[in-house]
Amino acid sequence: MNKAFTKETEPDDEDPSFVPLAVGGKNYITPQGYEGLRRELLDLIDAERPRVVELVHWAASNGDRSENGDYIYGKKRLREIDRRIRFLTQRLEIAAISNPSIHHGSDQVFFGATVTYADDSGEERTVTILGIDEANSSLAQISWVSPVARALLKSRVGDEVNLVTPHGVQVLEVLKVHYPAPDAPMMRAP
């Protein structure tokens, strides 16, 4: 087959934050997470994209586009912005907003819970179970579809659950479950 007729994609064509969802699956997200994605989308549409379009227009008016770094970079940045806008739009359309404060005072693990658990070695960890698009591992936040979250979901304080890992089955004991109070900002794990 002639290489001239094959479509080549650039390595940066894929959104690195893209996490595929199962067909018909839910995209659970907290109200705060939804609002954060919505703010990012509006900022891209109202501020970032118009600024880059103006830069590309200015660079194109300078003449030869083949060696014009501002034009080439601007067009690339515009593609990145458009790709992110499409991604955010799709994610917000299928978002299922779930407010974790409705479980305030419960000792059972549901979406939005901050859970303290101990592993086989006795090491304690505290994680907050959030949506795919809002979880940040550096803040001890995990996605509700992660293996740890799936093992913990629906368990109660004092329960032991099995976590299947590549190194075998690990037993986790649920020590504490916390939810934000109604009308309070989401508690962030330390």
C-alpha atoms as a PDB file:
ATOM      1  CA  MET A   1       0.000   0.000   0.000  1.00  0.00           C
ATOM      2  CA  ASN A   2       1.251   3.444  -0.867  1.00  0.00           C
ATOM      3  CA  LYS A   3       2.137   5.497   2.240  1.00  0.00           C
ATOM      4  CA  ALA A   4       0.962   8.676   0.522  1.00  0.00           C
ATOM      5  CA  PHE A   5      -2.668   7.749   1.093  1.00  0.00           C
ATOM      6  CA  THR A   6      -2.541   6.736   4.745  1.00  0.00           C
ATOM      7  CA  LYS A   7      -3.628   9.128   7.431  1.00  0.00           C
ATOM      8  CA  GLU A   8      -0.929   9.775   9.949  1.00  0.00           C
ATOM      9  CA  THR A   9      -1.865  11.256  13.289  1.00  0.00           C
ATOM     10  CA  GLU A  10       0.464  13.332  15.342  1.00  0.00           C
ATOM     11  CA  PRO A  11       1.344  11.866  18.755  1.00  0.00           C
ATOM     12  CA  ASP A  12      -0.308  14.849  20.431  1.00  0.00           C
ATOM     13  CA  ASP A  13      -3.654  14.234  18.678  1.00  0.00           C
ATOM     14  CA  GLU A  14      -4.976  12.280  21.644  1.00  0.00           C
ATOM     15  CA  ASP A  15      -6.134  14.049  24.785  1.00  0.00           C
ATOM     16  CA  PRO A  16      -3.920  12.681  27.593  1.00  0.00           C
ATOM     17  CA  SER A  17      -6.694  13.228  30.135  1.00  0.00           C
ATOM     18  CA  PHE A  18      -9.136  11.083  28.154  1.00  0.00           C
ATOM     19  CA  VAL A  19     -10.426   8.141  30.136  1.00  0.00           C
ATOM     20  CA  PRO A  20     -12.847   6.022  28.115  1.00  0.00           C
ATOM     21  CA  LEU A  21     -16.220   5.175  29.590  1.00  0.00           C
ATOM     22  CA  ALA A  22     -18.114   1.979  29.022  1.00  0.00           C
ATOM     23  CA  VAL A  23     -20.848   2.310  26.418  1.00  0.00           C
ATOM     24  CA  GLY A  24     -23.929   3.568  28.227  1.00  0.00           C
ATOM     25  CA  GLY A  25     -21.859   3.973  31.405  1.00  0.00           C
ATOM     26  CA  LYS A  26     -22.363   6.788  33.841  1.00  0.00           C
ATOM     27  CA  ASN A  27     -19.926   9.655  34.200  1.00  0.00           C
ATOM     28  CA  TYR A  28     -20.453  10.434  37.884  1.00  0.00           C
ATOM     29  CA  ILE A  29     -19.161  13.802  39.015  1.00  0.00           C
ATOM     30  CA  THR A  30     -19.634  16.038  42.054  1.00  0.00           C
ATOM     31  CA  PRO A  31     -21.322  19.438  41.640  1.00  0.00           C
ATOM     32  CA  GLN A  32     -17.940  21.093  42.292  1.00  0.00           C
ATOM     33  CA  GLY A  33     -16.244  18.926  39.656  1.00  0.00           C
ATOM     34  CA  TYR A  34     -18.976  19.702  37.118  1.00  0.00           C
ATOM     35  CA  GLU A  35     -18.633  23.422  37.783  1.00  0.00           C
ATOM     36  CA  GLY A  36     -14.829  23.210  37.381  1.00  0.00           C
ATOM     37  CA  LEU A  37     -15.134  21.514  33.976  1.00  0.00           C
ATOM     38  CA  ARG A  38     -17.819  24.004  32.937  1.00  0.00           C
ATOM     39  CA  ARG A  39     -15.586  26.960  33.936  1.00  0.00           C
ATOM     40  CA  GLU A  40     -12.676  25.470  31.964  1.00  0.00           C
ATOM     41  CA  LEU A  41     -14.896  25.044  28.894  1.00  0.00           C
ATOM     42  CA  LEU A  42     -16.214  28.610  29.076  1.00  0.00           C
ATOM     43  CA  ASP A  43     -12.694  29.989  29.569  1.00  0.00           C
ATOM     44  CA  LEU A  44     -11.476  28.112  26.482  1.00  0.00           C
ATOM     45  CA  ILE A  45     -14.412  29.349  24.388  1.00  0.00           C
ATOM     46  CA  ASP A  46     -14.552  32.943  25.649  1.00  0.00           C
ATOM     47  CA  ALA A  47     -10.896  33.778  26.327  1.00  0.00           C
ATOM     48  CA  GLU A  48      -8.244  31.321  25.160  1.00  0.00           C
ATOM     49  CA  ARG A  49      -9.589  30.457  21.694  1.00  0.00           C
ATOM     50  CA  PRO A  50     -10.283  34.094  20.625  1.00  0.00           C
ATOM     51  CA  ARG A  51      -6.777  35.085  21.778  1.00  0.00           C
ATOM     52  CA  VAL A  52      -5.155  32.302  19.707  1.00  0.00           C
ATOM     53  CA  VAL A  53      -7.378  33.040  16.679  1.00  0.00           C
ATOM     54  CA  GLU A  54      -6.210  36.652  16.827  1.00  0.00           C
ATOM     55  CA  LEU A  55      -2.565  35.522  17.003  1.00  0.00           C
ATOM     56  CA  VAL A  56      -3.010  33.179  14.016  1.00  0.00           C
ATOM     57  CA  HIS A  57      -4.727  35.936  12.032  1.00  0.00           C
ATOM     58  CA  TRP A  58      -1.867  38.342  12.781  1.00  0.00           C
ATOM     59  CA  ALA A  59       0.772  35.689  11.921  1.00  0.00           C
ATOM     60  CA  ALA A  60      -0.986  34.827   8.641  1.00  0.00           C
ATOM     61  CA  SER A  61      -0.944  38.484   7.619  1.00  0.00           C
ATOM     62  CA  ASN A  62       2.868  38.471   7.880  1.00  0.00           C
ATOM     63  CA  GLY A  63       3.257  36.546   4.646  1.00  0.00           C
ATOM     64  CA  ASP A  64       4.931  33.171   4.095  1.00  0.00           C
ATOM     65  CA  ARG A  65       3.167  30.727   6.390  1.00  0.00           C
ATOM     66  CA  SER A  66       5.470  27.757   5.745  1.00  0.00           C
ATOM     67  CA  GLU A  67       8.272  29.186   7.886  1.00  0.00           C
ATOM     68  CA  ASN A  68       6.207  31.364  10.192  1.00  0.00           C
ATOM     69  CA  GLY A  69       6.642  29.923  13.701  1.00  0.00           C
ATOM     70  CA  ASP A  70       3.848  32.013  15.205  1.00  0.00           C
ATOM     71  CA  TYR A  71       1.419  30.787  12.559  1.00  0.00           C
ATOM     72  CA  ILE A  72       2.470  27.120  12.812  1.00  0.00           C
ATOM     73  CA  TYR A  73       2.409  27.107  16.621  1.00  0.00           C
ATOM     74  CA  GLY A  74      -0.868  29.055  16.686  1.00  0.00           C
ATOM     75  CA  LYS A  75      -2.608  26.578  14.365  1.00  0.00           C
ATOM     76  CA  LYS A  76      -1.340  23.673  16.478  1.00  0.00           C
ATOM     77  CA  ARG A  77      -2.526  25.353  19.694  1.00  0.00           C
ATOM     78  CA  LEU A  78      -5.902  26.037  18.063  1.00  0.00           C
ATOM     79  CA  ARG A  79      -6.293  22.313  17.268  1.00  0.00           C
ATOM     80  CA  GLU A  80      -5.450  21.466  20.893  1.00  0.00           C
ATOM     81  CA  ILE A  81      -8.029  23.947  22.189  1.00  0.00           C
ATOM     82  CA  ASP A  82     -10.719  22.684  19.798  1.00  0.00           C
ATOM     83  CA  ARG A  83      -9.990  19.079  20.817  1.00  0.00           C
ATOM     84  CA  ARG A  84     -10.286  20.002  24.521  1.00  0.00           C
ATOM     85  CA  ILE A  85     -13.539  21.899  23.864  1.00  0.00           C
ATOM     86  CA  ARG A  86     -15.020  18.832  22.130  1.00  0.00           C
ATOM     87  CA  PHE A  87     -13.854  16.584  24.977  1.00  0.00           C
ATOM     88  CA  LEU A  88     -15.283  18.822  27.722  1.00  0.00           C
ATOM     89  CA  THR A  89     -18.556  19.290  25.853  1.00  0.00           C
ATOM     90  CA  GLN A  90     -19.003  15.526  25.482  1.00  0.00           C
ATOM     91  CA  ARG A  91     -18.106  14.848  29.121  1.00  0.00           C
ATOM     92  CA  LEU A  92     -20.468  17.508  30.443  1.00  0.00           C
ATOM     93  CA  GLU A  93     -23.311  16.194  28.264  1.00  0.00           C
ATOM     94  CA  ILE A  94     -23.083  12.711  29.811  1.00  0.00           C
ATOM     95  CA  ALA A  95     -22.247  13.844  33.350  1.00  0.00           C
ATOM     96  CA  ALA A  96     -24.353  12.400  36.153  1.00  0.00           C
ATOM     97  CA  ILE A  97     -24.061  14.903  38.992  1.00  0.00           C
ATOM     98  CA  SER A  98     -24.050  13.213  42.393  1.00  0.00           C
ATOM     99  CA  ASN A  99     -23.879  15.261  45.566  1.00  0.00           C
ATOM    100  CA  PRO A 100     -21.993  13.273  48.232  1.00  0.00           C
ATOM    101  CA  SER A 101     -23.401  15.402  51.072  1.00  0.00           C
ATOM    102  CA  ILE A 102     -26.675  13.437  50.883  1.00  0.00           C
ATOM    103  CA  HIS A 103     -24.778  10.621  52.630  1.00  0.00           C
ATOM    104  CA  HIS A 104     -23.476  12.889  55.422  1.00  0.00           C
ATOM    105  CA  GLY A 105     -23.300  10.913  58.656  1.00  0.00           C
ATOM    106  CA  SER A 106     -23.367   7.518  56.930  1.00  0.00           C
ATOM    107  CA  ASP A 107     -20.733   4.872  57.643  1.00  0.00           C
ATOM    108  CA  GLN A 108     -21.143   3.211  54.237  1.00  0.00           C
ATOM    109  CA  VAL A 109     -18.859   4.019  51.297  1.00  0.00           C
ATOM    110  CA  PHE A 110     -20.529   5.664  48.303  1.00  0.00           C
ATOM    111  CA  PHE A 111     -19.392   8.084  45.597  1.00  0.00           C
ATOM    112  CA  GLY A 112     -17.843  11.198  47.150  1.00  0.00           C
ATOM    113  CA  ALA A 113     -16.774   9.560  50.411  1.00  0.00           C
ATOM    114  CA  THR A 114     -13.473  10.273  52.082  1.00  0.00           C
ATOM    115  CA  VAL A 115     -12.350   6.864  53.319  1.00  0.00           C
ATOM    116  CA  THR A 116      -9.555   5.909  55.681  1.00  0.00           C
ATOM    117  CA  TYR A 117      -8.491   2.292  55.326  1.00  0.00           C
ATOM    118  CA  ALA A 118      -5.630   0.056  56.428  1.00  0.00           C
ATOM    119  CA  ASP A 119      -3.899  -2.461  54.181  1.00  0.00           C
ATOM    120  CA  ASP A 120      -2.353  -5.854  55.059  1.00  0.00           C
ATOM    121  CA  SER A 121       0.783  -4.221  56.439  1.00  0.00           C
ATOM    122  CA  GLY A 122      -1.245  -1.932  58.726  1.00  0.00           C
ATOM    123  CA  GLU A 123      -0.447   1.188  56.718  1.00  0.00           C
ATOM    124  CA  GLU A 124      -3.336   3.652  56.806  1.00  0.00           C
ATOM    125  CA  ARG A 125      -4.376   5.667  53.766  1.00  0.00           C
ATOM    126  CA  THR A 126      -7.084   8.257  53.289  1.00  0.00           C
ATOM    127  CA  VAL A 127      -8.629   8.768  49.858  1.00  0.00           C
ATOM    128  CA  THR A 128     -11.612  10.637  48.453  1.00  0.00           C
ATOM    129  CA  ILE A 129     -13.627   8.827  45.779  1.00  0.00           C
ATOM    130  CA  LEU A 130     -14.516  11.251  42.967  1.00  0.00           C
ATOM    131  CA  GLY A 131     -15.396  11.291  39.283  1.00  0.00           C
ATOM    132  CA  ILE A 132     -13.062  10.275  36.474  1.00  0.00           C
ATOM    133  CA  ASP A 133     -12.624  13.854  35.276  1.00  0.00           C
ATOM    134  CA  GLU A 134     -12.057  15.434  38.690  1.00  0.00           C
ATOM    135  CA  ALA A 135      -9.906  12.976  40.663  1.00  0.00           C
ATOM    136  CA  ASN A 136      -6.340  14.102  41.320  1.00  0.00           C
ATOM    137  CA  SER A 137      -4.036  11.430  42.740  1.00  0.00           C
ATOM    138  CA  SER A 138      -1.595  14.014  44.108  1.00  0.00           C
ATOM    139  CA  LEU A 139      -4.433  15.185  46.408  1.00  0.00           C
ATOM    140  CA  ALA A 140      -5.302  11.591  47.480  1.00  0.00           C
ATOM    141  CA  GLN A 141      -8.368  11.597  45.238  1.00  0.00           C
ATOM    142  CA  ILE A 142      -9.200   8.457  43.274  1.00  0.00           C
ATOM    143  CA  SER A 143     -11.651   7.777  40.497  1.00  0.00           C
ATOM    144  CA  TRP A 144     -14.752   5.786  41.376  1.00  0.00           C
ATOM    145  CA  VAL A 145     -13.776   3.255  38.670  1.00  0.00           C
ATOM    146  CA  SER A 146     -10.311   2.629  40.122  1.00  0.00           C
ATOM    147  CA  PRO A 147      -9.650  -0.825  41.620  1.00  0.00           C
ATOM    148  CA  VAL A 148      -9.318   0.554  45.157  1.00  0.00           C
ATOM    149  CA  ALA A 149     -12.574   2.509  44.902  1.00  0.00           C
ATOM    150  CA  ARG A 150     -14.432  -0.470  43.417  1.00  0.00           C
ATOM    151  CA  ALA A 151     -13.232  -2.629  46.303  1.00  0.00           C
ATOM    152  CA  LEU A 152     -14.303  -0.031  48.901  1.00  0.00           C
ATOM    153  CA  LEU A 153     -17.688   0.962  47.446  1.00  0.00           C
ATOM    154  CA  LYS A 154     -20.708  -0.204  49.484  1.00  0.00           C
ATOM    155  CA  SER A 155     -18.530  -1.401  52.377  1.00  0.00           C
ATOM    156  CA  ARG A 156     -19.009  -0.040  55.899  1.00  0.00           C
ATOM    157  CA  VAL A 157     -16.710   0.975  58.736  1.00  0.00           C
ATOM    158  CA  GLY A 158     -15.165  -2.212  60.155  1.00  0.00           C
ATOM    159  CA  ASP A 159     -15.612  -4.228  56.940  1.00  0.00           C
ATOM    160  CA  GLU A 160     -12.685  -6.003  55.300  1.00  0.00           C
ATOM    161  CA  VAL A 161     -12.653  -6.024  51.503  1.00  0.00           C
ATOM    162  CA  ASN A 162     -10.427  -7.780  48.994  1.00  0.00           C
ATOM    163  CA  LEU A 163      -8.392  -5.788  46.509  1.00  0.00           C
ATOM    164  CA  VAL A 164      -7.026  -7.832  43.621  1.00  0.00           C
ATOM    165  CA  THR A 165      -3.578  -6.585  42.603  1.00  0.00           C
ATOM    166  CA  PRO A 166      -0.936  -7.943  40.211  1.00  0.00           C
ATOM    167  CA  HIS A 167       0.900  -9.204  43.299  1.00  0.00           C
ATOM    168  CA  GLY A 168      -2.106 -11.061  44.702  1.00  0.00           C
ATOM    169  CA  VAL A 169      -5.119 -10.302  46.834  1.00  0.00           C
ATOM    170  CA  GLN A 170      -4.721  -7.619  49.477  1.00  0.00           C
ATOM    171  CA  VAL A 171      -7.170  -7.163  52.356  1.00  0.00           C
ATOM    172  CA  LEU A 172      -8.257  -3.612  53.152  1.00  0.00           C
ATOM    173  CA  GLU A 173     -10.038  -2.732  56.393  1.00  0.00           C
ATOM    174  CA  VAL A 174     -12.347   0.297  56.327  1.00  0.00           C
ATOM    175  CA  LEU A 175     -11.539   2.446  59.365  1.00  0.00           C
ATOM    176  CA  LYS A 176     -13.433   5.696  58.793  1.00  0.00           C
ATOM    177  CA  VAL A 177     -15.923   7.143  56.286  1.00  0.00           C
ATOM    178  CA  HIS A 178     -16.660  10.863  55.985  1.00  0.00           C
ATOM    179  CA  TYR A 179     -18.915  12.938  53.732  1.00  0.00           C
ATOM    180  CA  PRO A 180     -19.080  16.723  53.444  1.00  0.00           C
ATOM    181  CA  ALA A 181     -21.890  18.399  55.334  1.00  0.00           C
ATOM    182  CA  PRO A 182     -24.802  19.619  53.211  1.00  0.00           C
ATOM    183  CA  ASP A 183     -24.032  23.020  51.656  1.00  0.00           C
ATOM    184  CA  ALA A 184     -20.359  22.684  52.611  1.00  0.00           C
ATOM    185  CA  PRO A 185     -17.441  22.597  50.166  1.00  0.00           C
ATOM    186  CA  MET A 186     -16.027  19.143  49.345  1.00  0.00           C
ATOM    187  CA  MET A 187     -13.554  17.925  51.951  1.00  0.00           C
ATOM    188  CA  ARG A 188     -10.188  17.402  50.352  1.00  0.00           C
ATOM    189  CA  ALA A 189      -7.972  14.665  51.713  1.00  0.00           C
ATOM    190  CA  PRO A 190      -4.572  15.809  53.006  1.00  0.00           C
END
